[in-house]
Amino acid sequence: GADRWDFMATMLQPGGNAVLDVRASHTRENQTYQESFGPGVDFGNTAQNYQTDVLAALRFGADATEVRAHVSAYDHTLDETDLLNGGTTSDPQSQRLADIEVLQRGNVAGNAWVVGVRGEHEWITTARLTSAEESSSTGALYGSAEWKLSSAFALSTGARLTVAERWGSDVSPRIGITWHRTGGYYAKLGLAHGFRAPSFIEQFSLFTNPEEFY
């Protein structure tokens, strides 16, 4: 079984040529489940999950300039029955995340463009990591533009530079051409280079199972 509660609040506050948009949410879920280790050997385990997010965005001049700040906190605790002594073991884990982003939109001769910069820092605490607590920073610089070639064709360009303290950096460019026709017809041909950032386990975990020889 699982009991889940969700809460969300929003606030939109205009002032002068700016608008402040604040959103907060909280989710909590308590799980109970049963594990069986043989006939008549059943244990009830529990897991508690708590997630809180707060996002604040300040927009200036008809959304031309925007500053976003976001923080989140996630806590997970797993309580399991220890088969060796019959007691209960607790495995708490937590993640804290803070990021800020600034972006600028514009339009030149009918061509729309946007540039932005983003910074993020993450803290993780769990006994399952190579060390009990890890933290790392990531940054990104990006931009894109849509260029009108004619009434039917447009060229889209963009690139993103990602720099991570833990795993390095990568540049992801893209280019595409779009065709529009009255009546709702649309076609796009694009070329892009991407990358796969390492997963959580690849970055943090050092998992060994000597009983199974790996």
Protein backbone atom coordinates (compact mmCIF):
# COMPACT_ATOMS: atom_id res chain seq x y z
CA GLY A 1 0.00 0.00 0.00
CA ALA A 2 0.95 3.64 -0.41
CA ASP A 3 -0.38 6.91 0.99
CA ARG A 4 0.44 9.94 -1.13
CA TRP A 5 -0.14 13.64 -0.44
CA ASP A 6 0.49 16.46 -2.89
CA PHE A 7 0.48 20.21 -2.33
CA MET A 8 1.13 23.07 -4.73
CA ALA A 9 0.89 26.86 -4.45
CA THR A 10 1.51 29.52 -7.07
CA MET A 11 1.82 33.30 -7.01
CA LEU A 12 1.90 35.69 -9.96
CA GLN A 13 2.80 39.26 -8.99
CA PRO A 14 3.19 42.01 -11.63
CA GLY A 15 5.11 45.17 -10.80
CA GLY A 16 6.19 47.86 -13.26
CA ASN A 17 7.60 46.18 -16.35
CA ALA A 18 8.35 42.93 -14.47
CA VAL A 19 6.35 39.89 -13.37
CA LEU A 20 7.31 37.63 -10.47
CA ASP A 21 6.16 34.00 -10.83
CA VAL A 22 6.66 31.77 -7.77
CA ARG A 23 5.65 28.11 -7.57
CA ALA A 24 6.08 25.74 -4.66
CA SER A 25 5.17 22.05 -4.44
CA HIS A 26 5.52 19.30 -1.89
CA THR A 27 4.89 15.58 -2.22
CA ARG A 28 5.08 12.94 0.46
CA GLU A 29 4.51 9.24 -0.01
CA ASN A 30 4.64 6.51 2.63
CA GLN A 31 4.91 2.98 1.27
CA THR A 32 4.41 -0.33 3.06
CA TYR A 33 5.10 -3.66 1.46
CA GLN A 34 5.67 -7.25 2.42
CA GLU A 35 8.61 -9.45 1.54
CA SER A 36 8.58 -13.21 1.79
CA PHE A 37 11.75 -15.21 2.47
CA GLY A 38 10.16 -18.60 2.65
CA PRO A 39 7.07 -20.32 4.08
CA GLY A 40 5.93 -18.39 7.13
CA VAL A 41 8.82 -15.90 6.89
CA ASP A 42 7.22 -12.58 5.95
CA PHE A 43 8.41 -9.12 6.86
CA GLY A 44 6.74 -5.76 6.49
CA ASN A 45 9.04 -3.01 5.24
CA THR A 46 8.35 0.71 4.86
CA ALA A 47 9.69 3.54 2.71
CA GLN A 48 9.16 7.27 3.16
CA ASN A 49 9.63 9.73 0.31
CA TYR A 50 9.51 13.53 0.60
CA GLN A 51 10.01 15.96 -2.28
CA THR A 52 9.89 19.78 -2.06
CA ASP A 53 10.46 22.21 -4.94
CA VAL A 54 10.42 26.00 -5.09
CA LEU A 55 10.79 27.84 -8.39
CA ALA A 56 10.92 31.64 -8.75
CA ALA A 57 11.02 33.37 -12.12
CA LEU A 58 11.36 37.11 -12.70
CA ARG A 59 10.46 38.27 -16.21
CA PHE A 60 11.16 41.72 -17.63
CA GLY A 61 9.84 43.51 -20.68
CA ALA A 62 7.26 41.12 -22.16
CA ASP A 63 9.38 38.06 -21.26
CA ALA A 64 12.43 39.40 -23.14
CA THR A 65 14.66 38.84 -20.08
CA GLU A 66 14.06 36.11 -17.52
CA VAL A 67 15.87 35.05 -14.34
CA ARG A 68 14.96 31.70 -12.80
CA ALA A 69 16.01 30.30 -9.44
CA HIS A 70 15.09 26.82 -8.27
CA VAL A 71 15.78 24.73 -5.17
CA SER A 72 14.64 21.21 -4.38
CA ALA A 73 15.01 18.74 -1.55
CA TYR A 74 14.37 15.02 -1.75
CA ASP A 75 14.54 12.57 1.16
CA HIS A 76 14.07 8.82 0.98
CA THR A 77 14.26 6.43 3.92
CA LEU A 78 13.94 2.67 3.60
CA ASP A 79 13.30 0.64 6.75
CA GLU A 80 13.88 -3.08 6.26
CA THR A 81 13.87 -6.12 8.49
CA ASP A 82 17.32 -7.57 9.07
CA LEU A 83 17.17 -11.33 8.51
CA LEU A 84 20.25 -11.94 10.65
CA ASN A 85 19.05 -10.44 13.91
CA GLY A 86 15.37 -9.78 13.25
CA GLY A 87 15.78 -6.07 13.88
CA THR A 88 15.11 -3.15 11.56
CA THR A 89 17.75 -1.36 9.51
CA SER A 90 17.24 2.17 8.26
CA ASP A 91 18.75 3.45 5.00
CA PRO A 92 18.28 7.25 4.67
CA GLN A 93 19.18 9.03 1.45
CA SER A 94 18.87 12.69 0.48
CA GLN A 95 19.43 15.00 -2.47
CA ARG A 96 19.63 18.79 -2.45
CA LEU A 97 19.67 20.77 -5.67
CA ALA A 98 20.03 24.49 -6.39
CA ASP A 99 20.19 26.10 -9.82
CA ILE A 100 19.88 29.52 -11.40
CA GLU A 101 19.32 30.41 -15.03
CA VAL A 102 19.33 33.71 -16.94
CA LEU A 103 18.03 33.93 -20.49
CA GLN A 104 17.51 36.72 -23.00
CA ARG A 105 15.11 36.64 -25.93
CA GLY A 106 15.13 38.98 -28.89
CA ASN A 107 14.02 39.55 -32.45
CA VAL A 108 16.04 41.12 -35.26
CA ALA A 109 14.35 41.77 -38.62
CA GLY A 110 11.80 39.06 -37.90
CA ASN A 111 14.42 36.52 -36.76
CA ALA A 112 13.87 35.24 -33.21
CA TRP A 113 16.82 34.35 -30.98
CA VAL A 114 17.50 33.34 -27.39
CA VAL A 115 20.68 32.99 -25.32
CA GLY A 116 21.03 31.71 -21.78
CA VAL A 117 23.39 30.63 -19.04
CA ARG A 118 22.68 28.12 -16.28
CA GLY A 119 24.49 26.97 -13.13
CA GLU A 120 23.60 24.05 -10.88
CA HIS A 121 24.95 22.50 -7.68
CA GLU A 122 23.90 19.16 -6.24
CA TRP A 123 24.45 17.55 -2.84
CA ILE A 124 23.80 13.83 -2.28
CA THR A 125 24.00 11.93 0.99
CA THR A 126 23.65 8.15 1.16
CA ALA A 127 25.62 5.22 2.53
CA ARG A 128 25.48 3.59 -0.91
CA LEU A 129 27.99 6.00 -2.44
CA THR A 130 31.75 5.64 -2.60
CA SER A 131 31.75 8.30 0.12
CA ALA A 132 28.85 9.12 2.41
CA GLU A 133 28.37 12.57 0.87
CA GLU A 134 29.01 13.87 -2.63
CA SER A 135 28.53 17.24 -4.26
CA SER A 136 29.21 18.60 -7.74
CA SER A 137 28.53 21.60 -9.97
CA THR A 138 27.37 21.84 -13.58
CA GLY A 139 27.14 24.84 -15.88
CA ALA A 140 25.76 25.46 -19.35
CA LEU A 141 25.79 28.19 -21.99
CA TYR A 142 23.31 27.93 -24.84
CA GLY A 143 21.77 29.86 -27.70
CA SER A 144 19.45 29.37 -30.65
CA ALA A 145 18.03 31.42 -33.52
CA GLU A 146 15.38 31.05 -36.22
CA TRP A 147 16.27 32.69 -39.54
CA LYS A 148 13.55 33.40 -42.10
CA LEU A 149 14.82 32.51 -45.56
CA SER A 150 11.53 33.07 -47.35
CA SER A 151 7.80 32.95 -46.70
CA ALA A 152 7.95 29.14 -46.73
CA PHE A 153 11.45 28.26 -45.47
CA ALA A 154 13.30 29.01 -42.23
CA LEU A 155 16.71 27.99 -40.89
CA SER A 156 17.05 27.00 -37.22
CA THR A 157 20.44 26.98 -35.50
CA GLY A 158 21.54 26.35 -31.96
CA ALA A 159 24.30 25.11 -29.68
CA ARG A 160 24.80 24.25 -26.02
CA LEU A 161 28.04 24.02 -24.08
CA THR A 162 27.77 21.90 -20.92
CA VAL A 163 30.58 21.87 -18.36
CA ALA A 164 30.40 19.44 -15.46
CA GLU A 165 32.78 19.32 -12.53
CA ARG A 166 32.49 15.54 -12.28
CA TRP A 167 32.48 14.25 -15.85
CA GLY A 168 33.82 17.00 -18.12
CA SER A 169 32.32 19.07 -20.92
CA ASP A 170 30.61 18.72 -24.28
CA VAL A 171 29.29 20.94 -27.08
CA SER A 172 25.96 20.06 -28.71
CA PRO A 173 25.25 21.97 -31.95
CA ARG A 174 22.21 21.61 -34.16
CA ILE A 175 20.98 22.99 -37.49
CA GLY A 176 17.75 22.46 -39.33
CA ILE A 177 15.61 23.78 -42.15
CA THR A 178 11.82 23.97 -41.92
CA TRP A 179 9.17 24.28 -44.59
CA HIS A 180 5.70 25.69 -43.96
CA ARG A 181 2.75 25.64 -46.28
CA THR A 182 -0.71 27.04 -45.86
CA GLY A 183 -3.18 24.43 -44.78
CA GLY A 184 -1.13 23.21 -41.83
CA TYR A 185 1.62 21.36 -43.71
CA TYR A 186 5.02 21.36 -42.01
CA ALA A 187 8.31 19.56 -42.63
CA LYS A 188 11.73 19.79 -41.04
CA LEU A 189 15.14 18.39 -41.88
CA GLY A 190 17.73 18.63 -39.12
CA LEU A 191 21.20 17.57 -38.09
CA ALA A 192 22.46 17.57 -34.50
CA HIS A 193 25.23 16.25 -32.28
CA GLY A 194 24.32 15.13 -28.79
CA PHE A 195 25.88 13.28 -25.91
CA ARG A 196 24.78 11.02 -23.11
CA ALA A 197 25.74 12.27 -19.68
CA PRO A 198 26.82 9.48 -17.31
CA SER A 199 24.11 8.03 -15.13
CA PHE A 200 23.92 8.34 -11.35
CA ILE A 201 25.46 4.89 -10.85
CA GLU A 202 28.30 5.63 -13.28
CA GLN A 203 29.15 8.88 -11.48
CA PHE A 204 28.81 7.92 -7.85
CA SER A 205 28.34 4.24 -7.14
CA LEU A 206 31.03 1.68 -6.41
CA PHE A 207 29.01 -1.53 -6.36
CA THR A 208 30.73 -4.83 -5.64
CA ASN A 209 29.26 -8.23 -4.91
CA PRO A 210 32.15 -10.53 -3.97
CA GLU A 211 29.81 -13.41 -3.18
CA GLU A 212 28.91 -13.51 -6.87
CA PHE A 213 32.51 -12.75 -7.96
CA TYR A 214 31.97 -9.24 -9.37
